[in-house]
Amino acid sequence: MRLTLGPLQYFWPREQVLAFYREAATWPVDVIYLGETVCSKRRELATRDWIALAGEVAAGGCEVVLSSLALLEAESELSSLTRLVENGRFRVEANDMSAVQLLRERELPFIGGPGLNVYNHAALRLLQEDGLQRLVLSVEQGRDFVAEFRAVGVPLPQLEIPVWGRLPLAYSARCFTARALDMAKDDCGFRCIEHPDGLPLATRDGDPLLTINGIQVQTSGHCDLGPELDDIRTSGIELVRLYPQAQGMEDVVRRFRAAIDGGYSPTRVGGENGYWHGTAGKWCVTP
């Protein structure tokens, strides 16, 4: 089982991003995903900067993957995507079908991100014909879903599943953070940089509901599938993903690394596991 660090979902200052990945390059992870997946207006790092950073991180010996946007809305974003696809060295995590098309046209193998939303064998087979080598499962695709895929008996690509962090639930052309702050999307002031782990959203009764992160909606709490690692391993999933957070990420990495190397499942740290068990994601199910 391989340990991966998923793409950064939040908008951090440039120096914070660079410092984070300088440290991450020394952590015991097997794969690091780099790139902006949420909002093209987040330009602290341009496409060329992500590609240059990929070269620096790869020098540490781990696999590096460049991740694409999950929602493209402008011609300029397509141009940036083309530069990402044509980087000449690193595989790309395609998070929408425009990335798949560009990769297929160039006959480049790729990784299917959770933004592709692959729910049936026909779609998966077509993507494999286009060059898909690894599929990152969508957040609600748990144990039973994987078992159903395997029961059909068709060859599957490598499978990867998020096991830690706030999970991406949906994307919209509208910016939730700007709306929450009573600002227009086109004049947002990049205010999401003030919320390094997203902006909590509660019900009228004050109960945690969701986390808003620009045009992305996330779970309110963290997913933690540490105790399910044995179950995940048995299901044949080869890679487990941790989503970056502003504080304490190295401790999270080392906890999962020790568990994988030691062949045991760590104790849950206040997280949720509902999707893996086929119920609401916000629940914590006791196996």
C-alpha atoms as a PDB file:
ATOM      1  CA  MET A   1       0.000   0.000   0.000  1.00  0.00           C
ATOM      2  CA  ARG A   2       1.376   3.413  -1.047  1.00  0.00           C
ATOM      3  CA  LEU A   3       0.822   6.702   0.769  1.00  0.00           C
ATOM      4  CA  THR A   4      -0.024   9.822  -1.240  1.00  0.00           C
ATOM      5  CA  LEU A   5      -0.318  13.525  -0.440  1.00  0.00           C
ATOM      6  CA  GLY A   6      -3.232  14.898  -2.427  1.00  0.00           C
ATOM      7  CA  PRO A   7      -3.272  18.327  -4.079  1.00  0.00           C
ATOM      8  CA  LEU A   8      -3.575  21.404  -1.894  1.00  0.00           C
ATOM      9  CA  GLN A   9      -7.232  22.425  -1.863  1.00  0.00           C
ATOM     10  CA  TYR A  10      -6.818  25.792  -0.131  1.00  0.00           C
ATOM     11  CA  PHE A  11      -5.407  29.186  -1.133  1.00  0.00           C
ATOM     12  CA  TRP A  12      -2.214  29.874   0.788  1.00  0.00           C
ATOM     13  CA  PRO A  13       0.390  32.621   0.295  1.00  0.00           C
ATOM     14  CA  ARG A  14       3.170  31.687  -2.111  1.00  0.00           C
ATOM     15  CA  GLU A  15       5.872  31.371   0.536  1.00  0.00           C
ATOM     16  CA  GLN A  16       3.649  29.195   2.714  1.00  0.00           C
ATOM     17  CA  VAL A  17       3.036  26.843  -0.218  1.00  0.00           C
ATOM     18  CA  LEU A  18       6.727  26.600  -1.076  1.00  0.00           C
ATOM     19  CA  ALA A  19       7.714  26.059   2.558  1.00  0.00           C
ATOM     20  CA  PHE A  20       5.054  23.383   2.976  1.00  0.00           C
ATOM     21  CA  TYR A  21       6.299  21.372  -0.011  1.00  0.00           C
ATOM     22  CA  ARG A  22       9.955  21.768   0.943  1.00  0.00           C
ATOM     23  CA  GLU A  23       9.018  19.999   4.163  1.00  0.00           C
ATOM     24  CA  ALA A  24       6.690  17.538   2.454  1.00  0.00           C
ATOM     25  CA  ALA A  25       9.548  16.415   0.188  1.00  0.00           C
ATOM     26  CA  THR A  26      11.257  15.058   3.321  1.00  0.00           C
ATOM     27  CA  TRP A  27       8.191  13.191   4.608  1.00  0.00           C
ATOM     28  CA  PRO A  28       7.717   9.441   4.079  1.00  0.00           C
ATOM     29  CA  VAL A  29       5.119   9.687   1.307  1.00  0.00           C
ATOM     30  CA  ASP A  30       5.290   7.797  -1.978  1.00  0.00           C
ATOM     31  CA  VAL A  31       3.392  10.235  -4.215  1.00  0.00           C
ATOM     32  CA  ILE A  32       2.863  14.012  -4.033  1.00  0.00           C
ATOM     33  CA  TYR A  33       0.201  15.721  -6.149  1.00  0.00           C
ATOM     34  CA  LEU A  34       0.859  19.373  -7.039  1.00  0.00           C
ATOM     35  CA  GLY A  35      -1.325  21.986  -8.674  1.00  0.00           C
ATOM     36  CA  GLU A  36      -4.386  24.197  -8.369  1.00  0.00           C
ATOM     37  CA  THR A  37      -7.552  22.118  -8.521  1.00  0.00           C
ATOM     38  CA  VAL A  38     -10.162  24.575  -7.223  1.00  0.00           C
ATOM     39  CA  CYS A  39      -9.990  28.128  -8.619  1.00  0.00           C
ATOM     40  CA  SER A  40      -8.007  29.584 -11.513  1.00  0.00           C
ATOM     41  CA  LYS A  41      -7.985  33.015  -9.832  1.00  0.00           C
ATOM     42  CA  ARG A  42      -5.603  31.652  -7.223  1.00  0.00           C
ATOM     43  CA  ARG A  43      -2.397  32.798  -8.847  1.00  0.00           C
ATOM     44  CA  GLU A  44       0.145  32.869  -6.046  1.00  0.00           C
ATOM     45  CA  LEU A  45       1.764  30.110  -8.100  1.00  0.00           C
ATOM     46  CA  ALA A  46       1.383  30.079 -11.875  1.00  0.00           C
ATOM     47  CA  THR A  47       1.405  26.890 -13.957  1.00  0.00           C
ATOM     48  CA  ARG A  48       5.134  27.278 -14.652  1.00  0.00           C
ATOM     49  CA  ASP A  49       5.746  27.590 -10.892  1.00  0.00           C
ATOM     50  CA  TRP A  50       3.897  24.334 -10.171  1.00  0.00           C
ATOM     51  CA  ILE A  51       5.926  22.566 -12.847  1.00  0.00           C
ATOM     52  CA  ALA A  52       9.189  23.970 -11.458  1.00  0.00           C
ATOM     53  CA  LEU A  53       8.153  22.959  -7.937  1.00  0.00           C
ATOM     54  CA  ALA A  54       7.385  19.455  -9.220  1.00  0.00           C
ATOM     55  CA  GLY A  55      10.984  19.161 -10.385  1.00  0.00           C
ATOM     56  CA  GLU A  56      12.292  20.208  -6.974  1.00  0.00           C
ATOM     57  CA  VAL A  57      10.026  17.801  -5.079  1.00  0.00           C
ATOM     58  CA  ALA A  58      10.803  14.907  -7.433  1.00  0.00           C
ATOM     59  CA  ALA A  59      14.507  15.342  -6.670  1.00  0.00           C
ATOM     60  CA  GLY A  60      13.699  13.925  -3.227  1.00  0.00           C
ATOM     61  CA  GLY A  61      12.810  10.574  -4.793  1.00  0.00           C
ATOM     62  CA  CYS A  62       9.015  10.391  -4.597  1.00  0.00           C
ATOM     63  CA  GLU A  63       6.604  10.236  -7.511  1.00  0.00           C
ATOM     64  CA  VAL A  64       5.144  13.629  -8.455  1.00  0.00           C
ATOM     65  CA  VAL A  65       1.840  14.155 -10.262  1.00  0.00           C
ATOM     66  CA  LEU A  66       0.506  17.475 -11.586  1.00  0.00           C
ATOM     67  CA  SER A  67      -3.198  17.997 -10.831  1.00  0.00           C
ATOM     68  CA  SER A  68      -5.580  19.915 -13.079  1.00  0.00           C
ATOM     69  CA  LEU A  69      -8.549  22.165 -12.301  1.00  0.00           C
ATOM     70  CA  ALA A  70     -11.855  20.467 -11.597  1.00  0.00           C
ATOM     71  CA  LEU A  71     -13.945  23.163 -13.313  1.00  0.00           C
ATOM     72  CA  LEU A  72     -12.739  25.119 -16.354  1.00  0.00           C
ATOM     73  CA  GLU A  73     -14.666  28.252 -17.316  1.00  0.00           C
ATOM     74  CA  ALA A  74     -12.454  30.311 -19.657  1.00  0.00           C
ATOM     75  CA  GLU A  75     -10.167  30.017 -22.665  1.00  0.00           C
ATOM     76  CA  SER A  76      -7.215  31.180 -20.552  1.00  0.00           C
ATOM     77  CA  GLU A  77      -7.771  28.226 -18.231  1.00  0.00           C
ATOM     78  CA  LEU A  78      -7.637  25.869 -21.196  1.00  0.00           C
ATOM     79  CA  SER A  79      -4.291  27.408 -22.203  1.00  0.00           C
ATOM     80  CA  SER A  80      -2.920  26.819 -18.699  1.00  0.00           C
ATOM     81  CA  LEU A  81      -4.210  23.254 -18.808  1.00  0.00           C
ATOM     82  CA  THR A  82      -2.441  22.690 -22.120  1.00  0.00           C
ATOM     83  CA  ARG A  83       0.863  23.830 -20.586  1.00  0.00           C
ATOM     84  CA  LEU A  84       0.290  21.474 -17.679  1.00  0.00           C
ATOM     85  CA  VAL A  85      -0.451  18.529 -19.972  1.00  0.00           C
ATOM     86  CA  GLU A  86       2.594  19.294 -22.119  1.00  0.00           C
ATOM     87  CA  ASN A  87       5.010  19.576 -19.178  1.00  0.00           C
ATOM     88  CA  GLY A  88       7.083  16.784 -20.735  1.00  0.00           C
ATOM     89  CA  ARG A  89       7.967  14.910 -17.554  1.00  0.00           C
ATOM     90  CA  PHE A  90       5.202  14.311 -15.027  1.00  0.00           C
ATOM     91  CA  ARG A  91       1.915  12.457 -15.269  1.00  0.00           C
ATOM     92  CA  VAL A  92      -1.226  14.533 -14.883  1.00  0.00           C
ATOM     93  CA  GLU A  93      -4.214  13.959 -12.618  1.00  0.00           C
ATOM     94  CA  ALA A  94      -7.156  14.842 -14.870  1.00  0.00           C
ATOM     95  CA  ASN A  95     -10.016  16.320 -12.876  1.00  0.00           C
ATOM     96  CA  ASP A  96     -12.328  17.108 -15.766  1.00  0.00           C
ATOM     97  CA  MET A  97     -12.953  15.766 -19.257  1.00  0.00           C
ATOM     98  CA  SER A  98     -11.162  18.605 -21.048  1.00  0.00           C
ATOM     99  CA  ALA A  99      -7.946  17.376 -19.436  1.00  0.00           C
ATOM    100  CA  VAL A 100      -8.770  13.829 -20.509  1.00  0.00           C
ATOM    101  CA  GLN A 101      -9.283  15.002 -24.085  1.00  0.00           C
ATOM    102  CA  LEU A 102      -5.943  16.837 -24.236  1.00  0.00           C
ATOM    103  CA  LEU A 103      -4.110  13.865 -22.736  1.00  0.00           C
ATOM    104  CA  ARG A 104      -5.818  11.406 -25.086  1.00  0.00           C
ATOM    105  CA  GLU A 105      -4.948  13.506 -28.137  1.00  0.00           C
ATOM    106  CA  ARG A 106      -1.289  13.413 -27.108  1.00  0.00           C
ATOM    107  CA  GLU A 107      -1.446   9.702 -26.213  1.00  0.00           C
ATOM    108  CA  LEU A 108      -0.251  10.419 -22.681  1.00  0.00           C
ATOM    109  CA  PRO A 109      -1.073   8.109 -19.768  1.00  0.00           C
ATOM    110  CA  PHE A 110      -2.837   9.839 -16.883  1.00  0.00           C
ATOM    111  CA  ILE A 111      -4.467   9.520 -13.489  1.00  0.00           C
ATOM    112  CA  GLY A 112      -8.204  10.052 -13.152  1.00  0.00           C
ATOM    113  CA  GLY A 113      -8.956  12.447 -10.307  1.00  0.00           C
ATOM    114  CA  PRO A 114     -12.079  12.385  -8.125  1.00  0.00           C
ATOM    115  CA  GLY A 115     -13.550  15.179 -10.244  1.00  0.00           C
ATOM    116  CA  LEU A 116     -14.178  12.739 -13.109  1.00  0.00           C
ATOM    117  CA  ASN A 117     -16.945  10.993 -11.140  1.00  0.00           C
ATOM    118  CA  VAL A 118     -16.602   7.503 -12.621  1.00  0.00           C
ATOM    119  CA  TYR A 119     -19.583   5.407 -11.524  1.00  0.00           C
ATOM    120  CA  ASN A 120     -19.807   2.509 -13.971  1.00  0.00           C
ATOM    121  CA  HIS A 121     -17.656   0.008 -15.847  1.00  0.00           C
ATOM    122  CA  ALA A 122     -18.458   1.412 -19.283  1.00  0.00           C
ATOM    123  CA  ALA A 123     -17.130   4.865 -18.382  1.00  0.00           C
ATOM    124  CA  LEU A 124     -14.083   3.326 -16.709  1.00  0.00           C
ATOM    125  CA  ARG A 125     -13.344   1.153 -19.747  1.00  0.00           C
ATOM    126  CA  LEU A 126     -13.502   4.150 -22.075  1.00  0.00           C
ATOM    127  CA  LEU A 127     -11.149   6.121 -19.851  1.00  0.00           C
ATOM    128  CA  GLN A 128      -8.715   3.202 -19.726  1.00  0.00           C
ATOM    129  CA  GLU A 129      -8.739   3.110 -23.515  1.00  0.00           C
ATOM    130  CA  ASP A 130      -7.878   6.824 -23.413  1.00  0.00           C
ATOM    131  CA  GLY A 131      -4.858   6.160 -21.180  1.00  0.00           C
ATOM    132  CA  LEU A 132      -6.127   6.104 -17.585  1.00  0.00           C
ATOM    133  CA  GLN A 133      -3.736   4.146 -15.357  1.00  0.00           C
ATOM    134  CA  ARG A 134      -4.982   5.076 -11.885  1.00  0.00           C
ATOM    135  CA  LEU A 135      -8.373   6.157 -10.586  1.00  0.00           C
ATOM    136  CA  VAL A 136      -8.890   8.248  -7.464  1.00  0.00           C
ATOM    137  CA  LEU A 137     -12.270   7.232  -6.118  1.00  0.00           C
ATOM    138  CA  SER A 138     -14.931   9.841  -5.446  1.00  0.00           C
ATOM    139  CA  VAL A 139     -15.593  10.497  -1.792  1.00  0.00           C
ATOM    140  CA  GLU A 140     -18.762   8.396  -1.481  1.00  0.00           C
ATOM    141  CA  GLN A 141     -17.365   5.360  -3.307  1.00  0.00           C
ATOM    142  CA  GLY A 142     -16.733   3.082  -0.368  1.00  0.00           C
ATOM    143  CA  ARG A 143     -16.202  -0.589   0.338  1.00  0.00           C
ATOM    144  CA  ASP A 144     -19.365  -1.903  -1.333  1.00  0.00           C
ATOM    145  CA  PHE A 145     -18.752   0.140  -4.483  1.00  0.00           C
ATOM    146  CA  VAL A 146     -15.245  -1.262  -4.873  1.00  0.00           C
ATOM    147  CA  ALA A 147     -16.542  -4.787  -4.275  1.00  0.00           C
ATOM    148  CA  GLU A 148     -19.186  -4.321  -7.008  1.00  0.00           C
ATOM    149  CA  PHE A 149     -16.547  -3.151  -9.479  1.00  0.00           C
ATOM    150  CA  ARG A 150     -14.347  -6.141  -8.738  1.00  0.00           C
ATOM    151  CA  ALA A 151     -17.235  -8.616  -8.885  1.00  0.00           C
ATOM    152  CA  VAL A 152     -17.761  -7.859 -12.578  1.00  0.00           C
ATOM    153  CA  GLY A 153     -14.367  -9.394 -13.248  1.00  0.00           C
ATOM    154  CA  VAL A 154     -13.021  -6.749 -15.633  1.00  0.00           C
ATOM    155  CA  PRO A 155      -9.435  -5.507 -15.224  1.00  0.00           C
ATOM    156  CA  LEU A 156      -9.275  -2.437 -13.013  1.00  0.00           C
ATOM    157  CA  PRO A 157      -6.623   0.279 -12.912  1.00  0.00           C
ATOM    158  CA  GLN A 158      -4.779   1.137  -9.723  1.00  0.00           C
ATOM    159  CA  LEU A 159      -7.263   2.498  -7.206  1.00  0.00           C
ATOM    160  CA  GLU A 160      -6.634   5.341  -4.768  1.00  0.00           C
ATOM    161  CA  ILE A 161      -8.920   6.504  -1.978  1.00  0.00           C
ATOM    162  CA  PRO A 162      -8.876   9.537   0.353  1.00  0.00           C
ATOM    163  CA  VAL A 163      -8.340   8.443   3.962  1.00  0.00           C
ATOM    164  CA  TRP A 164      -7.668  11.765   5.687  1.00  0.00           C
ATOM    165  CA  GLY A 165      -8.769  15.379   5.410  1.00  0.00           C
ATOM    166  CA  ARG A 166     -11.799  17.400   4.451  1.00  0.00           C
ATOM    167  CA  LEU A 167     -13.359  15.768   1.419  1.00  0.00           C
ATOM    168  CA  PRO A 168     -14.339  17.702  -1.739  1.00  0.00           C
ATOM    169  CA  LEU A 169     -18.091  17.329  -2.234  1.00  0.00           C
ATOM    170  CA  ALA A 170     -19.040  19.689  -5.068  1.00  0.00           C
ATOM    171  CA  TYR A 171     -17.920  22.567  -7.295  1.00  0.00           C
ATOM    172  CA  SER A 172     -19.897  25.495  -8.668  1.00  0.00           C
ATOM    173  CA  ALA A 173     -19.360  28.394 -11.075  1.00  0.00           C
ATOM    174  CA  ARG A 174     -20.414  30.562  -8.141  1.00  0.00           C
ATOM    175  CA  CYS A 175     -17.879  31.371  -5.415  1.00  0.00           C
ATOM    176  CA  PHE A 176     -19.316  30.390  -2.045  1.00  0.00           C
ATOM    177  CA  THR A 177     -16.646  32.256  -0.064  1.00  0.00           C
ATOM    178  CA  ALA A 178     -17.272  35.521  -1.928  1.00  0.00           C
ATOM    179  CA  ARG A 179     -21.023  35.164  -1.432  1.00  0.00           C
ATOM    180  CA  ALA A 180     -20.599  34.439   2.281  1.00  0.00           C
ATOM    181  CA  LEU A 181     -18.572  37.657   2.579  1.00  0.00           C
ATOM    182  CA  ASP A 182     -21.115  39.613   0.481  1.00  0.00           C
ATOM    183  CA  MET A 183     -18.695  40.177  -2.395  1.00  0.00           C
ATOM    184  CA  ALA A 184     -18.915  39.639  -6.141  1.00  0.00           C
ATOM    185  CA  LYS A 185     -16.957  36.701  -7.529  1.00  0.00           C
ATOM    186  CA  ASP A 186     -15.134  38.905 -10.056  1.00  0.00           C
ATOM    187  CA  ASP A 187     -14.142  41.307  -7.283  1.00  0.00           C
ATOM    188  CA  CYS A 188     -13.570  38.831  -4.471  1.00  0.00           C
ATOM    189  CA  GLY A 189     -10.300  40.304  -3.228  1.00  0.00           C
ATOM    190  CA  PHE A 190      -8.973  36.739  -2.959  1.00  0.00           C
ATOM    191  CA  ARG A 191     -10.444  36.632   0.529  1.00  0.00           C
ATOM    192  CA  CYS A 192     -10.245  32.838   0.729  1.00  0.00           C
ATOM    193  CA  ILE A 193      -6.520  33.308   1.438  1.00  0.00           C
ATOM    194  CA  GLU A 194      -7.653  34.395   4.907  1.00  0.00           C
ATOM    195  CA  HIS A 195      -9.081  30.917   5.567  1.00  0.00           C
ATOM    196  CA  PRO A 196      -6.180  28.428   5.248  1.00  0.00           C
ATOM    197  CA  ASP A 197      -8.432  25.458   6.055  1.00  0.00           C
ATOM    198  CA  GLY A 198     -11.639  26.763   4.516  1.00  0.00           C
ATOM    199  CA  LEU A 199     -14.551  28.722   5.980  1.00  0.00           C
ATOM    200  CA  PRO A 200     -16.849  26.754   8.348  1.00  0.00           C
ATOM    201  CA  LEU A 201     -20.542  26.795   7.540  1.00  0.00           C
ATOM    202  CA  ALA A 202     -23.067  26.043  10.293  1.00  0.00           C
ATOM    203  CA  THR A 203     -26.814  25.534  10.423  1.00  0.00           C
ATOM    204  CA  ARG A 204     -29.061  28.195  11.944  1.00  0.00           C
ATOM    205  CA  ASP A 205     -28.870  26.200  15.160  1.00  0.00           C
ATOM    206  CA  GLY A 206     -25.096  26.508  15.142  1.00  0.00           C
ATOM    207  CA  ASP A 207     -24.327  22.900  14.224  1.00  0.00           C
ATOM    208  CA  PRO A 208     -21.366  22.289  11.869  1.00  0.00           C
ATOM    209  CA  LEU A 209     -22.651  21.591   8.354  1.00  0.00           C
ATOM    210  CA  LEU A 210     -20.049  22.114   5.588  1.00  0.00           C
ATOM    211  CA  THR A 211     -16.787  23.874   4.819  1.00  0.00           C
ATOM    212  CA  ILE A 212     -16.749  26.369   1.960  1.00  0.00           C
ATOM    213  CA  ASN A 213     -13.556  26.880   0.016  1.00  0.00           C
ATOM    214  CA  GLY A 214     -13.987  29.269  -2.894  1.00  0.00           C
ATOM    215  CA  ILE A 215     -16.084  27.506  -5.538  1.00  0.00           C
ATOM    216  CA  GLN A 216     -15.703  24.202  -3.668  1.00  0.00           C
ATOM    217  CA  VAL A 217     -17.838  22.710  -0.906  1.00  0.00           C
ATOM    218  CA  GLN A 218     -16.171  20.296   1.505  1.00  0.00           C
ATOM    219  CA  THR A 219     -17.189  18.162   4.431  1.00  0.00           C
ATOM    220  CA  SER A 220     -17.343  19.967   7.750  1.00  0.00           C
ATOM    221  CA  GLY A 221     -15.171  17.461   9.568  1.00  0.00           C
ATOM    222  CA  HIS A 222     -12.171  15.405   8.623  1.00  0.00           C
ATOM    223  CA  CYS A 223     -12.375  11.973   7.110  1.00  0.00           C
ATOM    224  CA  ASP A 224     -10.189   9.506   9.011  1.00  0.00           C
ATOM    225  CA  LEU A 225     -10.056   5.960   7.658  1.00  0.00           C
ATOM    226  CA  GLY A 226      -7.037   4.961   9.740  1.00  0.00           C
ATOM    227  CA  PRO A 227      -8.875   2.160  11.549  1.00  0.00           C
ATOM    228  CA  GLU A 228     -10.158   0.915   8.164  1.00  0.00           C
ATOM    229  CA  LEU A 229      -6.686   0.451   6.642  1.00  0.00           C
ATOM    230  CA  ASP A 230      -6.841  -3.347   6.907  1.00  0.00           C
ATOM    231  CA  ASP A 231     -10.255  -3.336   5.235  1.00  0.00           C
ATOM    232  CA  ILE A 232      -8.958  -1.018   2.492  1.00  0.00           C
ATOM    233  CA  ARG A 233      -5.928  -3.215   1.947  1.00  0.00           C
ATOM    234  CA  THR A 234      -8.101  -6.323   1.691  1.00  0.00           C
ATOM    235  CA  SER A 235     -10.340  -4.624  -0.878  1.00  0.00           C
ATOM    236  CA  GLY A 236      -7.339  -4.305  -3.199  1.00  0.00           C
ATOM    237  CA  ILE A 237      -6.953  -0.527  -3.078  1.00  0.00           C
ATOM    238  CA  GLU A 238      -3.270   0.215  -3.626  1.00  0.00           C
ATOM    239  CA  LEU A 239      -2.950   3.891  -2.683  1.00  0.00           C
ATOM    240  CA  VAL A 240      -4.352   5.938   0.198  1.00  0.00           C
ATOM    241  CA  ARG A 241      -4.585   9.734  -0.015  1.00  0.00           C
ATOM    242  CA  LEU A 242      -4.087  12.378   2.666  1.00  0.00           C
ATOM    243  CA  TYR A 243      -5.367  15.891   1.905  1.00  0.00           C
ATOM    244  CA  PRO A 244      -3.086  18.724   3.114  1.00  0.00           C
ATOM    245  CA  GLN A 245      -4.061  20.937   6.026  1.00  0.00           C
ATOM    246  CA  ALA A 246      -2.385  24.060   7.430  1.00  0.00           C
ATOM    247  CA  GLN A 247      -1.187  22.582  10.729  1.00  0.00           C
ATOM    248  CA  GLY A 248       0.034  19.191  11.922  1.00  0.00           C
ATOM    249  CA  MET A 249       0.325  17.544   8.510  1.00  0.00           C
ATOM    250  CA  GLU A 250       3.655  15.868   9.182  1.00  0.00           C
ATOM    251  CA  ASP A 251       2.194  14.114  12.236  1.00  0.00           C
ATOM    252  CA  VAL A 252      -0.693  12.828  10.111  1.00  0.00           C
ATOM    253  CA  VAL A 253       1.718  11.526   7.466  1.00  0.00           C
ATOM    254  CA  ARG A 254       3.911   9.753   9.979  1.00  0.00           C
ATOM    255  CA  ARG A 255       0.908   8.187  11.742  1.00  0.00           C
ATOM    256  CA  PHE A 256      -0.331   6.634   8.516  1.00  0.00           C
ATOM    257  CA  ARG A 257       3.172   5.692   7.367  1.00  0.00           C
ATOM    258  CA  ALA A 258       3.867   3.834  10.606  1.00  0.00           C
ATOM    259  CA  ALA A 259       0.561   1.998  10.348  1.00  0.00           C
ATOM    260  CA  ILE A 260       1.146   0.965   6.722  1.00  0.00           C
ATOM    261  CA  ASP A 261       4.711  -0.173   7.352  1.00  0.00           C
ATOM    262  CA  GLY A 262       3.728  -1.943  10.563  1.00  0.00           C
ATOM    263  CA  GLY A 263       0.699  -3.649   9.067  1.00  0.00           C
ATOM    264  CA  TYR A 264      -1.733  -2.325  11.662  1.00  0.00           C
ATOM    265  CA  SER A 265      -4.637   0.123  11.726  1.00  0.00           C
ATOM    266  CA  PRO A 266      -4.161   3.286  13.833  1.00  0.00           C
ATOM    267  CA  THR A 267      -6.703   4.638  16.273  1.00  0.00           C
ATOM    268  CA  ARG A 268      -9.145   7.135  14.805  1.00  0.00           C
ATOM    269  CA  VAL A 269      -8.360  10.783  15.615  1.00  0.00           C
ATOM    270  CA  GLY A 270     -11.747  12.463  15.796  1.00  0.00           C
ATOM    271  CA  GLY A 271     -12.598  11.814  12.165  1.00  0.00           C
ATOM    272  CA  GLU A 272     -15.503  10.491  10.098  1.00  0.00           C
ATOM    273  CA  ASN A 273     -15.799   7.261   8.107  1.00  0.00           C
ATOM    274  CA  GLY A 274     -19.427   7.088   6.957  1.00  0.00           C
ATOM    275  CA  TYR A 275     -18.856   6.974   3.196  1.00  0.00           C
ATOM    276  CA  TRP A 276     -16.592   3.931   3.405  1.00  0.00           C
ATOM    277  CA  HIS A 277     -19.351   2.052   5.236  1.00  0.00           C
ATOM    278  CA  GLY A 278     -22.103   3.092   2.819  1.00  0.00           C
ATOM    279  CA  THR A 279     -23.837   5.662   4.996  1.00  0.00           C
ATOM    280  CA  ALA A 280     -23.768   9.448   5.452  1.00  0.00           C
ATOM    281  CA  GLY A 281     -20.216  10.705   5.273  1.00  0.00           C
ATOM    282  CA  LYS A 282     -20.506  12.748   8.457  1.00  0.00           C
ATOM    283  CA  TRP A 283     -21.136   9.690  10.614  1.00  0.00           C
ATOM    284  CA  CYS A 284     -18.512   7.702  12.450  1.00  0.00           C
ATOM    285  CA  VAL A 285     -19.396   4.035  12.140  1.00  0.00           C
ATOM    286  CA  THR A 286     -18.023   1.493  14.578  1.00  0.00           C
ATOM    287  CA  PRO A 287     -17.129  -1.638  12.526  1.00  0.00           C
END
